[in-house]
Amino acid sequence: MFEPTYTAALGRLAAFVPQASRDYASKRNYDDLTHVSALSPYIRHRIITEEDVLQATLARHRPQAAGKFIQEVYWRTYWKGWLEMRPAVWAMYRSDLQAALNQVQTESGLRREWEAACKGETGIDCFDHWARQLVETGYLHNHARMWFASIWIFTLRLPWTLGADFFMRHLLDGDPASNTLSWRWVGGLQTISKTYLAQPDNIANYTNGRFHPTGLATFAAPLDGVPHPGRQALPLSNRPNPSLRTGLLITEEDLSPSWLLDQIEPSACAIVQTTQDRSPLAVSDHVVDFVKGALSDCTTRFAERLGPVTEVTSSKARRLGQDAVP
């Protein structure tokens, strides 16, 4: 479904832009992919950027006409900034996830229920379909993600962190900010006390009658959690000094480095894939292969500007960062 290249990203963007106004606004909640952009795997890794998407959209539509799609693009940016200024939320998620995984190892009942949910064997037909679809393709429609998370938390009553981790291991666009904060939002932890309840009639409507589940939770009590930590200032980076020999480290977080290459001429470049760090458990081959291909595409596109390129492990990259001179 998703070729990990800049060319494929531009092709998908060009195909979607004509639909970015009325069609998207009125039909985006239906769970097929014909009315949404499905650009998130590319934007998440900055194969193309939010700016690229907005420029293409506004070249075709007035801001008011494409307003709903533009809002969705900005939501991704908002989540990024929100978490960047509150890194303790990510640290809490990782700590709570490890505690939940420890429970899975010691509580056989929880382990069975968690495994059934991950394998799509709960007996809830729509949920099981989405679980299998995610594992097989690396992608889910956003509305299906909301329904899935709600059923995971309020019907199956599984720890939300295990569900967020399931997404991080399998989503091609798995992102610490968008994924973690969206799961927190469903559970009533992000917008305090506001939860999202998956309802059978809503699922039936927006799946065009393919699913009409029974036995779903009818009430969504907010999960217990701690208040949001205080907002920190955004971290600032030093501007590169073009008079110094400079090495460039490219990770899967930003595969559009032209903004930096306009300021420096790297003496050498290191490429690092950190995909496995997304979870304590094994990350899907779909995700690993997509990122590997995207990194390769990036180095091919910018080959003449990168200098000698070396692939390094994530542990070595961390050591390089620690040893770097400010």
C-alpha atoms as a PDB file:
ATOM      1  CA  MET A   1       0.000   0.000   0.000  1.00  0.00           C
ATOM      2  CA  PHE A   2       2.825   2.429   0.818  1.00  0.00           C
ATOM      3  CA  GLU A   3       6.015   2.620  -1.210  1.00  0.00           C
ATOM      4  CA  PRO A   4       8.602   4.343   1.026  1.00  0.00           C
ATOM      5  CA  THR A   5       9.771   6.958  -1.458  1.00  0.00           C
ATOM      6  CA  TYR A   6       9.466  10.684  -2.013  1.00  0.00           C
ATOM      7  CA  THR A   7       8.083  10.031  -5.501  1.00  0.00           C
ATOM      8  CA  ALA A   8       5.314   7.827  -4.117  1.00  0.00           C
ATOM      9  CA  ALA A   9       4.468  10.446  -1.484  1.00  0.00           C
ATOM     10  CA  LEU A  10       4.154  13.163  -4.115  1.00  0.00           C
ATOM     11  CA  GLY A  11       1.997  10.870  -6.247  1.00  0.00           C
ATOM     12  CA  ARG A  12      -0.364  10.147  -3.370  1.00  0.00           C
ATOM     13  CA  LEU A  13      -0.548  13.845  -2.505  1.00  0.00           C
ATOM     14  CA  ALA A  14      -1.327  14.809  -6.109  1.00  0.00           C
ATOM     15  CA  ALA A  15      -4.053  12.162  -6.310  1.00  0.00           C
ATOM     16  CA  PHE A  16      -5.688  13.362  -3.099  1.00  0.00           C
ATOM     17  CA  VAL A  17      -5.553  17.156  -3.465  1.00  0.00           C
ATOM     18  CA  PRO A  18      -8.613  17.415  -5.757  1.00  0.00           C
ATOM     19  CA  GLN A  19     -10.660  15.764  -2.947  1.00  0.00           C
ATOM     20  CA  ALA A  20      -9.317  17.916  -0.113  1.00  0.00           C
ATOM     21  CA  SER A  21     -12.331  20.206   0.166  1.00  0.00           C
ATOM     22  CA  ARG A  22     -15.988  19.149   0.070  1.00  0.00           C
ATOM     23  CA  ASP A  23     -15.389  15.438  -0.502  1.00  0.00           C
ATOM     24  CA  TYR A  24     -13.018  15.173   2.453  1.00  0.00           C
ATOM     25  CA  ALA A  25     -15.171  17.283   4.756  1.00  0.00           C
ATOM     26  CA  SER A  26     -18.321  15.243   4.144  1.00  0.00           C
ATOM     27  CA  LYS A  27     -16.933  11.717   3.764  1.00  0.00           C
ATOM     28  CA  ARG A  28     -13.718  11.517   5.811  1.00  0.00           C
ATOM     29  CA  ASN A  29     -15.371   9.571   8.655  1.00  0.00           C
ATOM     30  CA  TYR A  30     -16.270   6.582   6.467  1.00  0.00           C
ATOM     31  CA  ASP A  31     -13.746   3.848   7.119  1.00  0.00           C
ATOM     32  CA  ASP A  32     -12.585   3.210   3.550  1.00  0.00           C
ATOM     33  CA  LEU A  33      -9.498   5.060   2.348  1.00  0.00           C
ATOM     34  CA  THR A  34     -10.959   6.592  -0.812  1.00  0.00           C
ATOM     35  CA  HIS A  35     -11.918   9.859   0.892  1.00  0.00           C
ATOM     36  CA  VAL A  36      -8.796  10.459   3.018  1.00  0.00           C
ATOM     37  CA  SER A  37      -5.244  11.310   2.068  1.00  0.00           C
ATOM     38  CA  ALA A  38      -3.441   8.345   3.730  1.00  0.00           C
ATOM     39  CA  LEU A  39      -0.349  10.548   3.740  1.00  0.00           C
ATOM     40  CA  SER A  40       0.499  10.041   7.406  1.00  0.00           C
ATOM     41  CA  PRO A  41       3.290   7.441   6.910  1.00  0.00           C
ATOM     42  CA  TYR A  42       5.075   9.978   4.728  1.00  0.00           C
ATOM     43  CA  ILE A  43       4.433  13.016   6.918  1.00  0.00           C
ATOM     44  CA  ARG A  44       5.362  11.146  10.105  1.00  0.00           C
ATOM     45  CA  HIS A  45       8.885  10.547   8.736  1.00  0.00           C
ATOM     46  CA  ARG A  46       9.018  13.916   6.944  1.00  0.00           C
ATOM     47  CA  ILE A  47       9.441  12.251   3.577  1.00  0.00           C
ATOM     48  CA  ILE A  48       7.131  15.091   2.679  1.00  0.00           C
ATOM     49  CA  THR A  49       6.314  17.798   5.195  1.00  0.00           C
ATOM     50  CA  GLU A  50       3.200  19.485   6.503  1.00  0.00           C
ATOM     51  CA  GLU A  51       4.293  22.555   4.550  1.00  0.00           C
ATOM     52  CA  ASP A  52       4.436  20.523   1.323  1.00  0.00           C
ATOM     53  CA  VAL A  53       0.917  19.234   1.931  1.00  0.00           C
ATOM     54  CA  LEU A  54      -0.518  22.660   2.764  1.00  0.00           C
ATOM     55  CA  GLN A  55       1.110  24.352  -0.219  1.00  0.00           C
ATOM     56  CA  ALA A  56      -0.298  21.746  -2.605  1.00  0.00           C
ATOM     57  CA  THR A  57      -3.743  21.983  -1.013  1.00  0.00           C
ATOM     58  CA  LEU A  58      -3.897  25.788  -1.030  1.00  0.00           C
ATOM     59  CA  ALA A  59      -2.714  25.897  -4.634  1.00  0.00           C
ATOM     60  CA  ARG A  60      -5.953  24.096  -5.533  1.00  0.00           C
ATOM     61  CA  HIS A  61      -8.483  25.222  -2.882  1.00  0.00           C
ATOM     62  CA  ARG A  62      -9.400  28.287  -0.881  1.00  0.00           C
ATOM     63  CA  PRO A  63      -8.554  27.961   2.841  1.00  0.00           C
ATOM     64  CA  GLN A  64     -12.235  27.924   3.784  1.00  0.00           C
ATOM     65  CA  ALA A  65     -13.059  25.176   1.308  1.00  0.00           C
ATOM     66  CA  ALA A  66     -10.253  22.898   2.517  1.00  0.00           C
ATOM     67  CA  GLY A  67     -10.542  24.010   6.132  1.00  0.00           C
ATOM     68  CA  LYS A  68     -11.337  20.622   7.636  1.00  0.00           C
ATOM     69  CA  PHE A  69      -8.365  18.930   5.984  1.00  0.00           C
ATOM     70  CA  ILE A  70      -6.058  21.808   6.946  1.00  0.00           C
ATOM     71  CA  GLN A  71      -7.206  21.459  10.568  1.00  0.00           C
ATOM     72  CA  GLU A  72      -6.289  17.770  10.553  1.00  0.00           C
ATOM     73  CA  VAL A  73      -2.794  18.564   9.258  1.00  0.00           C
ATOM     74  CA  TYR A  74      -2.346  21.071  12.076  1.00  0.00           C
ATOM     75  CA  TRP A  75      -3.549  18.575  14.697  1.00  0.00           C
ATOM     76  CA  ARG A  76      -0.450  16.462  13.989  1.00  0.00           C
ATOM     77  CA  THR A  77       1.763  19.525  14.431  1.00  0.00           C
ATOM     78  CA  TYR A  78      -0.090  20.496  17.610  1.00  0.00           C
ATOM     79  CA  TRP A  79       0.402  17.052  19.176  1.00  0.00           C
ATOM     80  CA  LYS A  80       4.121  17.224  18.347  1.00  0.00           C
ATOM     81  CA  GLY A  81       4.517  20.564  20.055  1.00  0.00           C
ATOM     82  CA  TRP A  82       2.353  19.607  23.037  1.00  0.00           C
ATOM     83  CA  LEU A  83       4.476  16.543  23.837  1.00  0.00           C
ATOM     84  CA  GLU A  84       7.774  18.264  23.092  1.00  0.00           C
ATOM     85  CA  MET A  85       6.953  20.794  25.801  1.00  0.00           C
ATOM     86  CA  ARG A  86       5.843  18.054  28.214  1.00  0.00           C
ATOM     87  CA  PRO A  87       8.361  15.202  27.746  1.00  0.00           C
ATOM     88  CA  ALA A  88       7.423  13.768  31.148  1.00  0.00           C
ATOM     89  CA  VAL A  89       4.183  12.473  29.579  1.00  0.00           C
ATOM     90  CA  TRP A  90       6.189  10.257  27.221  1.00  0.00           C
ATOM     91  CA  ALA A  91       8.377   9.074  30.100  1.00  0.00           C
ATOM     92  CA  MET A  92       5.248   8.218  32.130  1.00  0.00           C
ATOM     93  CA  TYR A  93       3.805   6.285  29.201  1.00  0.00           C
ATOM     94  CA  ARG A  94       6.980   4.234  28.818  1.00  0.00           C
ATOM     95  CA  SER A  95       7.086   3.510  32.541  1.00  0.00           C
ATOM     96  CA  ASP A  96       3.398   2.550  32.676  1.00  0.00           C
ATOM     97  CA  LEU A  97       3.813   0.383  29.572  1.00  0.00           C
ATOM     98  CA  GLN A  98       6.629  -1.574  31.186  1.00  0.00           C
ATOM     99  CA  ALA A  99       4.498  -2.073  34.290  1.00  0.00           C
ATOM    100  CA  ALA A 100       1.631  -3.364  32.118  1.00  0.00           C
ATOM    101  CA  LEU A 101       3.982  -5.732  30.265  1.00  0.00           C
ATOM    102  CA  ASN A 102       5.173  -7.025  33.635  1.00  0.00           C
ATOM    103  CA  GLN A 103       1.529  -7.697  34.535  1.00  0.00           C
ATOM    104  CA  VAL A 104       1.082  -9.597  31.278  1.00  0.00           C
ATOM    105  CA  GLN A 105       3.934 -11.880  32.320  1.00  0.00           C
ATOM    106  CA  THR A 106       2.505 -12.614  35.774  1.00  0.00           C
ATOM    107  CA  GLU A 107      -1.286 -12.613  35.193  1.00  0.00           C
ATOM    108  CA  SER A 108      -2.374 -15.411  32.868  1.00  0.00           C
ATOM    109  CA  GLY A 109      -5.881 -14.033  32.409  1.00  0.00           C
ATOM    110  CA  LEU A 110      -4.610 -10.639  31.308  1.00  0.00           C
ATOM    111  CA  ARG A 111      -2.120 -12.298  28.980  1.00  0.00           C
ATOM    112  CA  ARG A 112      -4.862 -14.340  27.270  1.00  0.00           C
ATOM    113  CA  GLU A 113      -7.084 -11.274  26.809  1.00  0.00           C
ATOM    114  CA  TRP A 114      -4.208  -9.149  25.518  1.00  0.00           C
ATOM    115  CA  GLU A 115      -3.096 -11.823  23.058  1.00  0.00           C
ATOM    116  CA  ALA A 116      -6.668 -12.303  21.822  1.00  0.00           C
ATOM    117  CA  ALA A 117      -7.013  -8.573  21.211  1.00  0.00           C
ATOM    118  CA  CYS A 118      -3.709  -8.371  19.336  1.00  0.00           C
ATOM    119  CA  LYS A 119      -4.554 -11.405  17.193  1.00  0.00           C
ATOM    120  CA  GLY A 120      -8.102 -10.248  16.422  1.00  0.00           C
ATOM    121  CA  GLU A 121      -9.733 -13.114  18.318  1.00  0.00           C
ATOM    122  CA  THR A 122     -12.054 -11.292  20.741  1.00  0.00           C
ATOM    123  CA  GLY A 123     -15.331 -12.239  19.038  1.00  0.00           C
ATOM    124  CA  ILE A 124     -16.132  -8.569  18.329  1.00  0.00           C
ATOM    125  CA  ASP A 125     -16.173  -8.713  14.546  1.00  0.00           C
ATOM    126  CA  CYS A 126     -15.285  -5.109  13.748  1.00  0.00           C
ATOM    127  CA  PHE A 127     -12.507  -4.966  16.340  1.00  0.00           C
ATOM    128  CA  ASP A 128     -11.046  -8.267  15.163  1.00  0.00           C
ATOM    129  CA  HIS A 129     -11.138  -7.054  11.559  1.00  0.00           C
ATOM    130  CA  TRP A 130      -9.254  -3.862  12.452  1.00  0.00           C
ATOM    131  CA  ALA A 131      -6.652  -5.766  14.504  1.00  0.00           C
ATOM    132  CA  ARG A 132      -5.921  -8.078  11.583  1.00  0.00           C
ATOM    133  CA  GLN A 133      -5.966  -5.222   9.075  1.00  0.00           C
ATOM    134  CA  LEU A 134      -3.422  -3.303  11.111  1.00  0.00           C
ATOM    135  CA  VAL A 135      -1.075  -6.277  11.433  1.00  0.00           C
ATOM    136  CA  GLU A 136      -1.390  -7.136   7.739  1.00  0.00           C
ATOM    137  CA  THR A 137      -1.113  -3.631   6.248  1.00  0.00           C
ATOM    138  CA  GLY A 138       0.455  -1.310   8.822  1.00  0.00           C
ATOM    139  CA  TYR A 139      -2.417   1.130   8.491  1.00  0.00           C
ATOM    140  CA  LEU A 140      -5.874   1.946   9.861  1.00  0.00           C
ATOM    141  CA  HIS A 141      -8.336   4.690   9.028  1.00  0.00           C
ATOM    142  CA  ASN A 142      -8.385   7.320  11.777  1.00  0.00           C
ATOM    143  CA  HIS A 143     -12.020   6.655  12.702  1.00  0.00           C
ATOM    144  CA  ALA A 144     -11.254   2.948  13.046  1.00  0.00           C
ATOM    145  CA  ARG A 145      -8.359   3.840  15.348  1.00  0.00           C
ATOM    146  CA  MET A 146     -10.737   5.762  17.617  1.00  0.00           C
ATOM    147  CA  TRP A 147     -13.286   2.932  17.713  1.00  0.00           C
ATOM    148  CA  PHE A 148     -10.531   0.388  18.289  1.00  0.00           C
ATOM    149  CA  ALA A 149      -8.988   2.324  21.180  1.00  0.00           C
ATOM    150  CA  SER A 150     -12.379   2.856  22.813  1.00  0.00           C
ATOM    151  CA  ILE A 151     -13.296  -0.828  22.618  1.00  0.00           C
ATOM    152  CA  TRP A 152      -9.834  -1.802  23.904  1.00  0.00           C
ATOM    153  CA  ILE A 153     -10.159   0.471  26.941  1.00  0.00           C
ATOM    154  CA  PHE A 154     -13.854   0.418  27.863  1.00  0.00           C
ATOM    155  CA  THR A 155     -15.205  -2.900  26.538  1.00  0.00           C
ATOM    156  CA  LEU A 156     -12.188  -5.195  26.828  1.00  0.00           C
ATOM    157  CA  ARG A 157     -10.892  -3.202  29.819  1.00  0.00           C
ATOM    158  CA  LEU A 158      -7.268  -3.701  28.865  1.00  0.00           C
ATOM    159  CA  PRO A 159      -4.520  -1.263  29.919  1.00  0.00           C
ATOM    160  CA  TRP A 160      -4.475   1.601  27.446  1.00  0.00           C
ATOM    161  CA  THR A 161      -0.688   1.565  27.273  1.00  0.00           C
ATOM    162  CA  LEU A 162      -0.751  -1.962  25.822  1.00  0.00           C
ATOM    163  CA  GLY A 163      -3.089  -0.759  23.086  1.00  0.00           C
ATOM    164  CA  ALA A 164      -0.949   2.268  22.324  1.00  0.00           C
ATOM    165  CA  ASP A 165       2.072  -0.047  22.134  1.00  0.00           C
ATOM    166  CA  PHE A 166       0.211  -2.409  19.776  1.00  0.00           C
ATOM    167  CA  PHE A 167      -0.308   0.563  17.459  1.00  0.00           C
ATOM    168  CA  MET A 168       3.302   1.714  17.794  1.00  0.00           C
ATOM    169  CA  ARG A 169       4.561  -1.736  16.839  1.00  0.00           C
ATOM    170  CA  HIS A 170       2.403  -2.006  13.726  1.00  0.00           C
ATOM    171  CA  LEU A 171       1.501   1.451  12.389  1.00  0.00           C
ATOM    172  CA  LEU A 172       3.684   2.739   9.576  1.00  0.00           C
ATOM    173  CA  ASP A 173       2.926   6.216  10.923  1.00  0.00           C
ATOM    174  CA  GLY A 174       3.429   5.256  14.577  1.00  0.00           C
ATOM    175  CA  ASP A 175       4.417   8.494  16.265  1.00  0.00           C
ATOM    176  CA  PRO A 176       5.111   9.103  19.975  1.00  0.00           C
ATOM    177  CA  ALA A 177       3.045  12.292  20.026  1.00  0.00           C
ATOM    178  CA  SER A 178       0.037  11.540  17.815  1.00  0.00           C
ATOM    179  CA  ASN A 179      -0.342   7.959  18.973  1.00  0.00           C
ATOM    180  CA  THR A 180       0.218   8.401  22.706  1.00  0.00           C
ATOM    181  CA  LEU A 181      -1.876  11.553  23.053  1.00  0.00           C
ATOM    182  CA  SER A 182      -4.720  10.157  20.935  1.00  0.00           C
ATOM    183  CA  TRP A 183      -4.969   7.081  23.167  1.00  0.00           C
ATOM    184  CA  ARG A 184      -4.861   9.345  26.216  1.00  0.00           C
ATOM    185  CA  TRP A 185      -7.655  11.432  24.687  1.00  0.00           C
ATOM    186  CA  VAL A 186      -9.896   8.392  24.178  1.00  0.00           C
ATOM    187  CA  GLY A 187      -9.351   7.360  27.795  1.00  0.00           C
ATOM    188  CA  GLY A 188     -10.061  10.789  29.267  1.00  0.00           C
ATOM    189  CA  LEU A 189      -6.468  11.513  30.272  1.00  0.00           C
ATOM    190  CA  GLN A 190      -5.630  14.150  27.670  1.00  0.00           C
ATOM    191  CA  THR A 191      -8.689  16.406  27.752  1.00  0.00           C
ATOM    192  CA  ILE A 192      -9.336  15.696  31.409  1.00  0.00           C
ATOM    193  CA  SER A 193     -12.536  13.669  31.993  1.00  0.00           C
ATOM    194  CA  LYS A 194     -13.555  13.790  28.308  1.00  0.00           C
ATOM    195  CA  THR A 195     -13.690  10.266  26.910  1.00  0.00           C
ATOM    196  CA  TYR A 196     -14.613   8.753  23.548  1.00  0.00           C
ATOM    197  CA  LEU A 197     -17.174   5.947  23.527  1.00  0.00           C
ATOM    198  CA  ALA A 198     -17.478   3.711  20.449  1.00  0.00           C
ATOM    199  CA  GLN A 199     -21.188   3.281  19.700  1.00  0.00           C
ATOM    200  CA  PRO A 200     -22.689   0.485  17.562  1.00  0.00           C
ATOM    201  CA  ASP A 201     -24.916   2.767  15.473  1.00  0.00           C
ATOM    202  CA  ASN A 202     -22.013   5.073  14.675  1.00  0.00           C
ATOM    203  CA  ILE A 203     -19.859   2.109  13.644  1.00  0.00           C
ATOM    204  CA  ALA A 204     -22.673   0.691  11.501  1.00  0.00           C
ATOM    205  CA  ASN A 205     -23.213   4.042   9.800  1.00  0.00           C
ATOM    206  CA  TYR A 206     -19.596   4.789   8.968  1.00  0.00           C
ATOM    207  CA  THR A 207     -18.762   1.246   7.893  1.00  0.00           C
ATOM    208  CA  ASN A 208     -21.761   1.297   5.532  1.00  0.00           C
ATOM    209  CA  GLY A 209     -23.440  -1.486   7.495  1.00  0.00           C
ATOM    210  CA  ARG A 210     -20.540  -3.944   7.308  1.00  0.00           C
ATOM    211  CA  PHE A 211     -20.392  -4.052  11.101  1.00  0.00           C
ATOM    212  CA  HIS A 212     -22.963  -3.579  13.830  1.00  0.00           C
ATOM    213  CA  PRO A 213     -21.309  -4.848  17.015  1.00  0.00           C
ATOM    214  CA  THR A 214     -23.180  -5.918  20.123  1.00  0.00           C
ATOM    215  CA  GLY A 215     -22.027  -6.036  23.702  1.00  0.00           C
ATOM    216  CA  LEU A 216     -19.952  -2.859  23.615  1.00  0.00           C
ATOM    217  CA  ALA A 217     -19.546  -0.736  26.722  1.00  0.00           C
ATOM    218  CA  THR A 218     -22.339   1.792  27.142  1.00  0.00           C
ATOM    219  CA  PHE A 219     -20.434   4.076  29.503  1.00  0.00           C
ATOM    220  CA  ALA A 220     -16.873   5.384  29.376  1.00  0.00           C
ATOM    221  CA  ALA A 221     -15.616   6.453  32.780  1.00  0.00           C
ATOM    222  CA  PRO A 222     -12.410   8.510  32.568  1.00  0.00           C
ATOM    223  CA  LEU A 223      -9.254   6.616  33.459  1.00  0.00           C
ATOM    224  CA  ASP A 224      -7.366   7.594  36.571  1.00  0.00           C
ATOM    225  CA  GLY A 225      -4.296   9.664  35.906  1.00  0.00           C
ATOM    226  CA  VAL A 226      -2.086  12.450  37.152  1.00  0.00           C
ATOM    227  CA  PRO A 227      -2.492  16.121  36.168  1.00  0.00           C
ATOM    228  CA  HIS A 228      -0.604  17.347  33.130  1.00  0.00           C
ATOM    229  CA  PRO A 229       2.969  18.385  33.927  1.00  0.00           C
ATOM    230  CA  GLY A 230       3.841  22.021  33.512  1.00  0.00           C
ATOM    231  CA  ARG A 231       4.706  23.268  30.055  1.00  0.00           C
ATOM    232  CA  GLN A 232       8.412  23.646  29.371  1.00  0.00           C
ATOM    233  CA  ALA A 233      10.064  25.906  26.840  1.00  0.00           C
ATOM    234  CA  LEU A 234      10.714  24.329  23.475  1.00  0.00           C
ATOM    235  CA  PRO A 235      14.281  22.994  23.242  1.00  0.00           C
ATOM    236  CA  LEU A 236      16.544  25.142  21.082  1.00  0.00           C
ATOM    237  CA  SER A 237      19.399  23.939  18.910  1.00  0.00           C
ATOM    238  CA  ASN A 238      22.579  25.822  18.147  1.00  0.00           C
ATOM    239  CA  ARG A 239      22.858  27.074  14.605  1.00  0.00           C
ATOM    240  CA  PRO A 240      25.517  25.181  12.651  1.00  0.00           C
ATOM    241  CA  ASN A 241      28.780  26.995  12.044  1.00  0.00           C
ATOM    242  CA  PRO A 242      29.618  26.643   8.331  1.00  0.00           C
ATOM    243  CA  SER A 243      33.288  27.375   9.035  1.00  0.00           C
ATOM    244  CA  LEU A 244      33.666  24.115  10.999  1.00  0.00           C
ATOM    245  CA  ARG A 245      33.855  20.565   9.701  1.00  0.00           C
ATOM    246  CA  THR A 246      30.408  19.180  10.331  1.00  0.00           C
ATOM    247  CA  GLY A 247      28.968  15.686  10.332  1.00  0.00           C
ATOM    248  CA  LEU A 248      25.274  15.074   9.672  1.00  0.00           C
ATOM    249  CA  LEU A 249      23.212  12.411  11.456  1.00  0.00           C
ATOM    250  CA  ILE A 250      20.016  11.433   9.615  1.00  0.00           C
ATOM    251  CA  THR A 251      17.322   9.489  11.460  1.00  0.00           C
ATOM    252  CA  GLU A 252      13.840   8.369  10.499  1.00  0.00           C
ATOM    253  CA  GLU A 253      12.426  11.433  12.265  1.00  0.00           C
ATOM    254  CA  ASP A 254      13.348  13.796   9.417  1.00  0.00           C
ATOM    255  CA  LEU A 255      13.929  12.556   5.889  1.00  0.00           C
ATOM    256  CA  SER A 256      13.681  16.009   4.306  1.00  0.00           C
ATOM    257  CA  PRO A 257      17.059  17.447   5.398  1.00  0.00           C
ATOM    258  CA  SER A 258      17.291  20.061   2.633  1.00  0.00           C
ATOM    259  CA  TRP A 259      16.569  22.863   5.136  1.00  0.00           C
ATOM    260  CA  LEU A 260      19.777  21.896   6.961  1.00  0.00           C
ATOM    261  CA  LEU A 261      21.812  21.144   3.856  1.00  0.00           C
ATOM    262  CA  ASP A 262      21.137  24.711   2.746  1.00  0.00           C
ATOM    263  CA  GLN A 263      23.183  25.820   5.786  1.00  0.00           C
ATOM    264  CA  ILE A 264      26.042  23.300   5.838  1.00  0.00           C
ATOM    265  CA  GLU A 265      28.122  21.095   3.587  1.00  0.00           C
ATOM    266  CA  PRO A 266      28.597  17.892   5.614  1.00  0.00           C
ATOM    267  CA  SER A 267      32.046  16.354   5.681  1.00  0.00           C
ATOM    268  CA  ALA A 268      30.338  13.007   6.248  1.00  0.00           C
ATOM    269  CA  CYS A 269      26.906  11.609   7.023  1.00  0.00           C
ATOM    270  CA  ALA A 270      25.715   8.828   9.330  1.00  0.00           C
ATOM    271  CA  ILE A 271      22.379   7.090   8.838  1.00  0.00           C
ATOM    272  CA  VAL A 272      20.693   5.458  11.831  1.00  0.00           C
ATOM    273  CA  GLN A 273      17.465   3.451  11.999  1.00  0.00           C
ATOM    274  CA  THR A 274      15.878   3.557  15.449  1.00  0.00           C
ATOM    275  CA  THR A 275      12.595   1.819  14.612  1.00  0.00           C
ATOM    276  CA  GLN A 276      13.033  -0.940  17.188  1.00  0.00           C
ATOM    277  CA  ASP A 277      13.180   1.686  19.945  1.00  0.00           C
ATOM    278  CA  ARG A 278       9.475   2.397  19.424  1.00  0.00           C
ATOM    279  CA  SER A 279       8.544  -0.497  21.713  1.00  0.00           C
ATOM    280  CA  PRO A 280      10.077  -2.906  24.225  1.00  0.00           C
ATOM    281  CA  LEU A 281       8.582  -5.657  22.036  1.00  0.00           C
ATOM    282  CA  ALA A 282       9.392  -6.566  18.444  1.00  0.00           C
ATOM    283  CA  VAL A 283       8.287  -3.967  15.913  1.00  0.00           C
ATOM    284  CA  SER A 284       6.469  -5.227  12.806  1.00  0.00           C
ATOM    285  CA  ASP A 285       8.502  -6.128   9.713  1.00  0.00           C
ATOM    286  CA  HIS A 286       6.166  -3.814   7.745  1.00  0.00           C
ATOM    287  CA  VAL A 287       7.328  -0.862   9.829  1.00  0.00           C
ATOM    288  CA  VAL A 288      11.010  -1.825   9.854  1.00  0.00           C
ATOM    289  CA  ASP A 289      11.054  -2.351   6.077  1.00  0.00           C
ATOM    290  CA  PHE A 290       9.173   0.888   5.369  1.00  0.00           C
ATOM    291  CA  VAL A 291      11.627   2.934   7.419  1.00  0.00           C
ATOM    292  CA  LYS A 292      14.626   1.134   5.916  1.00  0.00           C
ATOM    293  CA  GLY A 293      13.356   1.906   2.432  1.00  0.00           C
ATOM    294  CA  ALA A 294      12.617   5.528   3.318  1.00  0.00           C
ATOM    295  CA  LEU A 295      16.125   6.042   4.715  1.00  0.00           C
ATOM    296  CA  SER A 296      17.598   4.559   1.550  1.00  0.00           C
ATOM    297  CA  ASP A 297      15.436   6.800  -0.618  1.00  0.00           C
ATOM    298  CA  CYS A 298      16.558   9.845   1.365  1.00  0.00           C
ATOM    299  CA  THR A 299      20.256   9.103   0.922  1.00  0.00           C
ATOM    300  CA  THR A 300      19.704   8.486  -2.789  1.00  0.00           C
ATOM    301  CA  ARG A 301      17.848  11.783  -3.279  1.00  0.00           C
ATOM    302  CA  PHE A 302      20.465  13.830  -1.447  1.00  0.00           C
ATOM    303  CA  ALA A 303      23.532  11.753  -2.330  1.00  0.00           C
ATOM    304  CA  GLU A 304      25.458  14.617  -3.932  1.00  0.00           C
ATOM    305  CA  ARG A 305      25.071  16.798  -0.820  1.00  0.00           C
ATOM    306  CA  LEU A 306      25.742  14.344   2.017  1.00  0.00           C
ATOM    307  CA  GLY A 307      29.387  13.447   1.663  1.00  0.00           C
ATOM    308  CA  PRO A 308      30.492   9.890   2.534  1.00  0.00           C
ATOM    309  CA  VAL A 309      27.546   7.995   4.071  1.00  0.00           C
ATOM    310  CA  THR A 310      27.854   5.367   6.806  1.00  0.00           C
ATOM    311  CA  GLU A 311      25.109   3.317   8.447  1.00  0.00           C
ATOM    312  CA  VAL A 312      25.422   3.112  12.235  1.00  0.00           C
ATOM    313  CA  THR A 313      23.457   1.353  14.967  1.00  0.00           C
ATOM    314  CA  SER A 314      21.170   3.317  17.265  1.00  0.00           C
ATOM    315  CA  SER A 315      23.435   2.610  20.263  1.00  0.00           C
ATOM    316  CA  LYS A 316      26.460   3.972  18.401  1.00  0.00           C
ATOM    317  CA  ALA A 317      24.436   7.015  17.326  1.00  0.00           C
ATOM    318  CA  ARG A 318      23.613   7.743  20.953  1.00  0.00           C
ATOM    319  CA  ARG A 319      27.325   7.563  21.813  1.00  0.00           C
ATOM    320  CA  LEU A 320      28.129   9.949  18.969  1.00  0.00           C
ATOM    321  CA  GLY A 321      25.565  12.386  20.313  1.00  0.00           C
ATOM    322  CA  GLN A 322      26.976  12.167  23.820  1.00  0.00           C
ATOM    323  CA  ASP A 323      30.534  12.740  22.542  1.00  0.00           C
ATOM    324  CA  ALA A 324      29.609  15.636  20.235  1.00  0.00           C
ATOM    325  CA  VAL A 325      31.052  19.068  21.027  1.00  0.00           C
ATOM    326  CA  PRO A 326      28.319  21.714  21.462  1.00  0.00           C
END
